[in-house]
PDB file of N, CA and C in Angstrom:
ATOM      1  N   MET A   1      36.147  -6.598  38.368  1.00  0.00           N
ATOM      2  CA  MET A   1      34.925  -6.504  37.603  1.00  0.00           C
ATOM      3  C   MET A   1      35.196  -6.919  36.187  1.00  0.00           C
ATOM      4  N   GLY A   2      34.369  -7.809  35.623  1.00  0.00           N
ATOM      5  CA  GLY A   2      34.535  -8.369  34.267  1.00  0.00           C
ATOM      6  C   GLY A   2      34.075  -7.415  33.200  1.00  0.00           C
ATOM      7  N   ALA A   3      34.300  -7.787  31.956  1.00  0.00           N
ATOM      8  CA  ALA A   3      33.851  -7.010  30.817  1.00  0.00           C
ATOM      9  C   ALA A   3      32.302  -6.952  30.765  1.00  0.00           C
ATOM     10  N   ARG A   4      31.837  -5.895  30.262  1.00  0.00           N
ATOM     11  CA  ARG A   4      30.350  -5.743  30.137  1.00  0.00           C
ATOM     12  C   ARG A   4      29.934  -6.466  28.877  1.00  0.00           C
ATOM     13  N   PRO A   5      28.729  -7.055  28.930  1.00  0.00           N
ATOM     14  CA  PRO A   5      28.204  -7.767  27.775  1.00  0.00           C
ATOM     15  C   PRO A   5      28.096  -6.883  26.563  1.00  0.00           C
ATOM     16  N   TYR A   6      28.252  -7.512  25.362  1.00  0.00           N
ATOM     17  CA  TYR A   6      28.081  -6.746  24.111  1.00  0.00           C
ATOM     18  C   TYR A   6      26.806  -6.020  24.061  1.00  0.00           C
ATOM     19  N   SER A   7      25.700  -6.565  24.462  1.00  0.00           N
ATOM     20  CA  SER A   7      24.427  -5.915  24.334  1.00  0.00           C
ATOM     21  C   SER A   7      24.387  -4.627  25.185  1.00  0.00           C
ATOM     22  N   ASP A   8      25.055  -4.589  26.309  1.00  0.00           N
ATOM     23  CA  ASP A   8      25.107  -3.380  27.134  1.00  0.00           C
ATOM     24  C   ASP A   8      25.909  -2.284  26.391  1.00  0.00           C
ATOM     25  N   LEU A   9      27.049  -2.636  25.824  1.00  0.00           N
ATOM     26  CA  LEU A   9      27.843  -1.704  25.098  1.00  0.00           C
ATOM     27  C   LEU A   9      27.106  -1.205  23.862  1.00  0.00           C
ATOM     28  N   HIS A  10      26.443  -2.132  23.164  1.00  0.00           N
ATOM     29  CA  HIS A  10      25.751  -1.755  21.957  1.00  0.00           C
ATOM     30  C   HIS A  10      24.581  -0.762  22.259  1.00  0.00           C
ATOM     31  N   LYS A  11      23.858  -1.080  23.368  1.00  0.00           N
ATOM     32  CA  LYS A  11      22.771  -0.184  23.773  1.00  0.00           C
ATOM     33  C   LYS A  11      23.301   1.125  24.218  1.00  0.00           C
ATOM     34  N   GLU A  12      24.403   1.189  24.958  1.00  0.00           N
ATOM     35  CA  GLU A  12      24.985   2.477  25.374  1.00  0.00           C
ATOM     36  C   GLU A  12      25.360   3.323  24.155  1.00  0.00           C
ATOM     37  N   LYS A  13      26.003   2.623  23.170  1.00  0.00           N
ATOM     38  CA  LYS A  13      26.408   3.368  21.939  1.00  0.00           C
ATOM     39  C   LYS A  13      25.183   3.968  21.257  1.00  0.00           C
ATOM     40  N   ARG A  14      24.064   3.303  21.202  1.00  0.00           N
ATOM     41  CA  ARG A  14      22.910   3.817  20.520  1.00  0.00           C
ATOM     42  C   ARG A  14      22.244   4.991  21.249  1.00  0.00           C
ATOM     43  N   ILE A  15      22.417   5.090  22.514  1.00  0.00           N
ATOM     44  CA  ILE A  15      21.701   6.161  23.290  1.00  0.00           C
ATOM     45  C   ILE A  15      22.681   7.209  23.844  1.00  0.00           C
ATOM     46  N   SER A  16      23.943   7.007  23.726  1.00  0.00           N
ATOM     47  CA  SER A  16      24.840   7.926  24.420  1.00  0.00           C
ATOM     48  C   SER A  16      24.809   9.327  23.951  1.00  0.00           C
ATOM     49  N   ASP A  17      24.375   9.647  22.746  1.00  0.00           N
ATOM     50  CA  ASP A  17      24.307  10.962  22.242  1.00  0.00           C
ATOM     51  C   ASP A  17      23.046  11.668  22.661  1.00  0.00           C
ATOM     52  N   LEU A  18      22.119  11.032  23.259  1.00  0.00           N
ATOM     53  CA  LEU A  18      20.817  11.646  23.674  1.00  0.00           C
ATOM     54  C   LEU A  18      21.022  12.523  24.878  1.00  0.00           C
ATOM     55  N   LEU A  19      20.295  13.600  24.966  1.00  0.00           N
ATOM     56  CA  LEU A  19      20.391  14.555  26.063  1.00  0.00           C
ATOM     57  C   LEU A  19      20.150  13.825  27.413  1.00  0.00           C
ATOM     58  N   LEU A  20      19.208  12.878  27.468  1.00  0.00           N
ATOM     59  CA  LEU A  20      18.915  12.190  28.719  1.00  0.00           C
ATOM     60  C   LEU A  20      20.094  11.473  29.295  1.00  0.00           C
ATOM     61  N   TRP A  21      21.031  11.125  28.449  1.00  0.00           N
ATOM     62  CA  TRP A  21      22.236  10.387  28.966  1.00  0.00           C
ATOM     63  C   TRP A  21      23.441  11.262  28.968  1.00  0.00           C
ATOM     64  N   ASN A  22      23.397  12.460  28.343  1.00  0.00           N
ATOM     65  CA  ASN A  22      24.548  13.346  28.359  1.00  0.00           C
ATOM     66  C   ASN A  22      24.453  14.448  29.378  1.00  0.00           C
ATOM     67  N   ASP A  23      23.317  14.988  29.567  1.00  0.00           N
ATOM     68  CA  ASP A  23      23.142  16.070  30.501  1.00  0.00           C
ATOM     69  C   ASP A  23      22.780  15.525  31.885  1.00  0.00           C
ATOM     70  N   GLN A  24      23.661  15.849  32.823  1.00  0.00           N
ATOM     71  CA  GLN A  24      23.487  15.257  34.186  1.00  0.00           C
ATOM     72  C   GLN A  24      22.170  15.610  34.824  1.00  0.00           C
ATOM     73  N   GLU A  25      21.708  16.816  34.668  1.00  0.00           N
ATOM     74  CA  GLU A  25      20.386  17.163  35.255  1.00  0.00           C
ATOM     75  C   GLU A  25      19.261  16.495  34.573  1.00  0.00           C
ATOM     76  N   ALA A  26      19.297  16.386  33.282  1.00  0.00           N
ATOM     77  CA  ALA A  26      18.264  15.660  32.556  1.00  0.00           C
ATOM     78  C   ALA A  26      18.251  14.147  32.953  1.00  0.00           C
ATOM     79  N   LYS A  27      19.446  13.616  33.062  1.00  0.00           N
ATOM     80  CA  LYS A  27      19.527  12.248  33.497  1.00  0.00           C
ATOM     81  C   LYS A  27      19.017  12.009  34.924  1.00  0.00           C
ATOM     82  N   ARG A  28      19.399  12.894  35.814  1.00  0.00           N
ATOM     83  CA  ARG A  28      18.859  12.854  37.211  1.00  0.00           C
ATOM     84  C   ARG A  28      17.351  12.894  37.255  1.00  0.00           C
ATOM     85  N   LEU A  29      16.755  13.786  36.446  1.00  0.00           N
ATOM     86  CA  LEU A  29      15.339  13.941  36.406  1.00  0.00           C
ATOM     87  C   LEU A  29      14.676  12.661  35.906  1.00  0.00           C
ATOM     88  N   MET A  30      15.257  12.146  34.844  1.00  0.00           N
ATOM     89  CA  MET A  30      14.717  10.846  34.234  1.00  0.00           C
ATOM     90  C   MET A  30      14.824   9.759  35.280  1.00  0.00           C
ATOM     91  N   GLU A  31      15.879   9.624  35.984  1.00  0.00           N
ATOM     92  CA  GLU A  31      16.035   8.584  36.965  1.00  0.00           C
ATOM     93  C   GLU A  31      15.033   8.769  38.158  1.00  0.00           C
ATOM     94  N   GLU A  32      14.843  10.038  38.585  1.00  0.00           N
ATOM     95  CA  GLU A  32      13.902  10.326  39.608  1.00  0.00           C
ATOM     96  C   GLU A  32      12.466   9.953  39.209  1.00  0.00           C
ATOM     97  N   ILE A  33      12.078  10.392  38.000  1.00  0.00           N
ATOM     98  CA  ILE A  33      10.716  10.073  37.469  1.00  0.00           C
ATOM     99  C   ILE A  33      10.523   8.556  37.293  1.00  0.00           C
ATOM    100  N   ALA A  34      11.561   7.921  36.742  1.00  0.00           N
ATOM    101  CA  ALA A  34      11.452   6.469  36.524  1.00  0.00           C
ATOM    102  C   ALA A  34      11.248   5.805  37.903  1.00  0.00           C
ATOM    103  N   ALA A  35      12.030   6.166  38.908  1.00  0.00           N
ATOM    104  CA  ALA A  35      11.885   5.561  40.200  1.00  0.00           C
ATOM    105  C   ALA A  35      10.532   5.821  40.827  1.00  0.00           C
ATOM    106  N   GLU A  36       9.975   6.987  40.576  1.00  0.00           N
ATOM    107  CA  GLU A  36       8.643   7.266  41.158  1.00  0.00           C
ATOM    108  C   GLU A  36       7.606   6.361  40.573  1.00  0.00           C
ATOM    109  N   HIS A  37       7.803   5.936  39.323  1.00  0.00           N
ATOM    110  CA  HIS A  37       6.839   5.076  38.602  1.00  0.00           C
ATOM    111  C   HIS A  37       7.278   3.601  38.584  1.00  0.00           C
ATOM    112  N   GLY A  38       8.329   3.246  39.265  1.00  0.00           N
ATOM    113  CA  GLY A  38       8.824   1.853  39.357  1.00  0.00           C
ATOM    114  C   GLY A  38       9.314   1.329  38.079  1.00  0.00           C
ATOM    115  N   VAL A  39       9.924   2.210  37.296  1.00  0.00           N
ATOM    116  CA  VAL A  39      10.497   1.796  36.011  1.00  0.00           C
ATOM    117  C   VAL A  39      12.021   1.822  36.074  1.00  0.00           C
ATOM    118  N   ALA A  40      12.622   0.753  35.668  1.00  0.00           N
ATOM    119  CA  ALA A  40      14.098   0.722  35.667  1.00  0.00           C
ATOM    120  C   ALA A  40      14.639   1.631  34.507  1.00  0.00           C
ATOM    121  N   VAL A  41      15.683   2.365  34.799  1.00  0.00           N
ATOM    122  CA  VAL A  41      16.219   3.192  33.688  1.00  0.00           C
ATOM    123  C   VAL A  41      16.777   2.299  32.608  1.00  0.00           C
ATOM    124  N   ASP A  42      17.253   1.177  32.918  1.00  0.00           N
ATOM    125  CA  ASP A  42      17.763   0.230  31.923  1.00  0.00           C
ATOM    126  C   ASP A  42      16.613  -0.195  30.925  1.00  0.00           C
ATOM    127  N   ALA A  43      15.390  -0.275  31.457  1.00  0.00           N
ATOM    128  CA  ALA A  43      14.279  -0.566  30.607  1.00  0.00           C
ATOM    129  C   ALA A  43      14.004   0.558  29.578  1.00  0.00           C
ATOM    130  N   ILE A  44      14.127   1.779  30.061  1.00  0.00           N
ATOM    131  CA  ILE A  44      13.958   2.915  29.171  1.00  0.00           C
ATOM    132  C   ILE A  44      15.037   2.931  28.138  1.00  0.00           C
ATOM    133  N   ALA A  45      16.298   2.699  28.551  1.00  0.00           N
ATOM    134  CA  ALA A  45      17.410   2.637  27.596  1.00  0.00           C
ATOM    135  C   ALA A  45      17.233   1.581  26.584  1.00  0.00           C
ATOM    136  N   GLU A  46      16.749   0.365  26.968  1.00  0.00           N
ATOM    137  CA  GLU A  46      16.493  -0.699  26.063  1.00  0.00           C
ATOM    138  C   GLU A  46      15.441  -0.280  25.027  1.00  0.00           C
ATOM    139  N   LEU A  47      14.366   0.301  25.445  1.00  0.00           N
ATOM    140  CA  LEU A  47      13.332   0.762  24.529  1.00  0.00           C
ATOM    141  C   LEU A  47      13.810   1.863  23.581  1.00  0.00           C
ATOM    142  N   VAL A  48      14.564   2.792  24.119  1.00  0.00           N
ATOM    143  CA  VAL A  48      15.071   3.916  23.283  1.00  0.00           C
ATOM    144  C   VAL A  48      16.013   3.340  22.254  1.00  0.00           C
ATOM    145  N   ALA A  49      16.942   2.439  22.661  1.00  0.00           N
ATOM    146  CA  ALA A  49      17.872   1.772  21.748  1.00  0.00           C
ATOM    147  C   ALA A  49      17.124   1.042  20.648  1.00  0.00           C
ATOM    148  N   TRP A  50      16.066   0.270  21.058  1.00  0.00           N
ATOM    149  CA  TRP A  50      15.302  -0.449  20.088  1.00  0.00           C
ATOM    150  C   TRP A  50      14.650   0.463  19.029  1.00  0.00           C
ATOM    151  N   GLU A  51      13.995   1.565  19.575  1.00  0.00           N
ATOM    152  CA  GLU A  51      13.402   2.541  18.735  1.00  0.00           C
ATOM    153  C   GLU A  51      14.348   3.145  17.703  1.00  0.00           C
ATOM    154  N   ARG A  52      15.544   3.479  18.170  1.00  0.00           N
ATOM    155  CA  ARG A  52      16.542   4.033  17.282  1.00  0.00           C
ATOM    156  C   ARG A  52      16.950   3.049  16.224  1.00  0.00           C
ATOM    157  N   GLY A  53      17.079   1.768  16.606  1.00  0.00           N
ATOM    158  CA  GLY A  53      17.377   0.740  15.673  1.00  0.00           C
ATOM    159  C   GLY A  53      16.331   0.590  14.612  1.00  0.00           C
ATOM    160  N   GLN A  54      15.040   0.734  15.002  1.00  0.00           N
ATOM    161  CA  GLN A  54      13.929   0.685  14.042  1.00  0.00           C
ATOM    162  C   GLN A  54      14.015   1.844  13.071  1.00  0.00           C
ATOM    163  N   GLN A  55      14.312   3.008  13.602  1.00  0.00           N
ATOM    164  CA  GLN A  55      14.402   4.217  12.759  1.00  0.00           C
ATOM    165  C   GLN A  55      15.566   4.003  11.714  1.00  0.00           C
ATOM    166  N   GLU A  56      16.675   3.489  12.192  1.00  0.00           N
ATOM    167  CA  GLU A  56      17.760   3.225  11.245  1.00  0.00           C
ATOM    168  C   GLU A  56      17.392   2.261  10.151  1.00  0.00           C
ATOM    169  N   LYS A  57      16.677   1.211  10.516  1.00  0.00           N
ATOM    170  CA  LYS A  57      16.248   0.212   9.504  1.00  0.00           C
ATOM    171  C   LYS A  57      15.291   0.908   8.512  1.00  0.00           C
ATOM    172  N   MET A  58      14.418   1.707   9.031  1.00  0.00           N
ATOM    173  CA  MET A  58      13.408   2.386   8.142  1.00  0.00           C
ATOM    174  C   MET A  58      14.145   3.336   7.221  1.00  0.00           C
ATOM    175  N   SER A  59      15.170   4.032   7.727  1.00  0.00           N
ATOM    176  CA  SER A  59      15.955   4.974   6.873  1.00  0.00           C
ATOM    177  C   SER A  59      16.705   4.197   5.787  1.00  0.00           C
ATOM    178  N   ARG A  60      17.286   3.116   6.125  1.00  0.00           N
ATOM    179  CA  ARG A  60      17.998   2.264   5.166  1.00  0.00           C
ATOM    180  C   ARG A  60      17.025   1.727   4.107  1.00  0.00           C
ATOM    181  N   ARG A  61      15.823   1.280   4.567  1.00  0.00           N
ATOM    182  CA  ARG A  61      14.820   0.755   3.641  1.00  0.00           C
ATOM    183  C   ARG A  61      14.395   1.855   2.668  1.00  0.00           C
ATOM    184  N   GLY A  62      14.178   3.066   3.136  1.00  0.00           N
ATOM    185  CA  GLY A  62      13.802   4.144   2.296  1.00  0.00           C
ATOM    186  C   GLY A  62      14.907   4.428   1.274  1.00  0.00           C
ATOM    187  N   MET A  63      16.142   4.387   1.734  1.00  0.00           N
ATOM    188  CA  MET A  63      17.267   4.670   0.870  1.00  0.00           C
ATOM    189  C   MET A  63      17.344   3.616  -0.258  1.00  0.00           C
ATOM    190  N   THR A  64      17.134   2.331   0.105  1.00  0.00           N
ATOM    191  CA  THR A  64      17.103   1.308  -0.921  1.00  0.00           C
ATOM    192  C   THR A  64      16.018   1.523  -1.967  1.00  0.00           C
ATOM    193  N   GLU A  65      14.814   1.945  -1.517  1.00  0.00           N
ATOM    194  CA  GLU A  65      13.758   2.193  -2.457  1.00  0.00           C
ATOM    195  C   GLU A  65      14.145   3.335  -3.454  1.00  0.00           C
ATOM    196  N   VAL A  66      14.778   4.351  -2.958  1.00  0.00           N
ATOM    197  CA  VAL A  66      15.221   5.476  -3.817  1.00  0.00           C
ATOM    198  C   VAL A  66      16.241   4.988  -4.819  1.00  0.00           C
ATOM    199  N   PHE A  67      17.216   4.212  -4.362  1.00  0.00           N
ATOM    200  CA  PHE A  67      18.248   3.664  -5.262  1.00  0.00           C
ATOM    201  C   PHE A  67      17.584   2.795  -6.313  1.00  0.00           C
ATOM    202  N   ASP A  68      16.653   1.935  -5.911  1.00  0.00           N
ATOM    203  CA  ASP A  68      15.985   1.083  -6.874  1.00  0.00           C
ATOM    204  C   ASP A  68      15.283   1.897  -7.937  1.00  0.00           C
ATOM    205  N   GLU A  69      14.556   2.961  -7.524  1.00  0.00           N
ATOM    206  CA  GLU A  69      13.847   3.824  -8.463  1.00  0.00           C
ATOM    207  C   GLU A  69      14.866   4.403  -9.474  1.00  0.00           C
ATOM    208  N   VAL A  70      15.969   4.874  -9.000  1.00  0.00           N
ATOM    209  CA  VAL A  70      16.928   5.523  -9.845  1.00  0.00           C
ATOM    210  C   VAL A  70      17.566   4.540 -10.877  1.00  0.00           C
ATOM    211  N   PHE A  71      17.996   3.377 -10.331  1.00  0.00           N
ATOM    212  CA  PHE A  71      18.635   2.414 -11.197  1.00  0.00           C
ATOM    213  C   PHE A  71      17.691   1.670 -12.101  1.00  0.00           C
ATOM    214  N   ASP A  72      16.366   1.619 -11.745  1.00  0.00           N
ATOM    215  CA  ASP A  72      15.393   0.992 -12.597  1.00  0.00           C
ATOM    216  C   ASP A  72      14.810   1.930 -13.640  1.00  0.00           C
ATOM    217  N   ASN A  73      15.087   3.222 -13.514  1.00  0.00           N
ATOM    218  CA  ASN A  73      14.547   4.219 -14.410  1.00  0.00           C
ATOM    219  C   ASN A  73      15.300   4.200 -15.757  1.00  0.00           C
ATOM    220  N   LYS A  74      14.666   3.712 -16.743  1.00  0.00           N
ATOM    221  CA  LYS A  74      15.283   3.527 -18.076  1.00  0.00           C
ATOM    222  C   LYS A  74      15.711   4.846 -18.759  1.00  0.00           C
ATOM    223  N   GLN A  75      15.051   5.911 -18.282  1.00  0.00           N
ATOM    224  CA  GLN A  75      15.381   7.242 -18.854  1.00  0.00           C
ATOM    225  C   GLN A  75      16.802   7.707 -18.405  1.00  0.00           C
ATOM    226  N   TYR A  76      17.268   7.289 -17.240  1.00  0.00           N
ATOM    227  CA  TYR A  76      18.548   7.638 -16.780  1.00  0.00           C
ATOM    228  C   TYR A  76      19.717   6.876 -17.365  1.00  0.00           C
ATOM    229  N   TRP A  77      19.458   5.727 -17.931  1.00  0.00           N
ATOM    230  CA  TRP A  77      20.579   4.878 -18.396  1.00  0.00           C
ATOM    231  C   TRP A  77      20.434   4.583 -19.850  1.00  0.00           C
ATOM    232  N   LYS A  78      21.562   4.618 -20.526  1.00  0.00           N
ATOM    233  CA  LYS A  78      21.635   4.359 -21.971  1.00  0.00           C
ATOM    234  C   LYS A  78      22.185   2.985 -22.261  1.00  0.00           C
TER     235      LYS A  78
END
């Protein structure tokens, strides 16, 4: 078996801490419900990884705005 693609490893890293992928019973239920609705678990993982990436971007964007406000505030700097 060859090495897994980077995107698979990256996706797994982004979701591996979530209960759905850590707790065997939760994962089993998710797989069962996904199968009942004809949804691939990989599709759910892709969407969750994407959403987490969006949240990280928003968090960094918010942090940049705070830094800009502090560094642009002439009252703080002499």
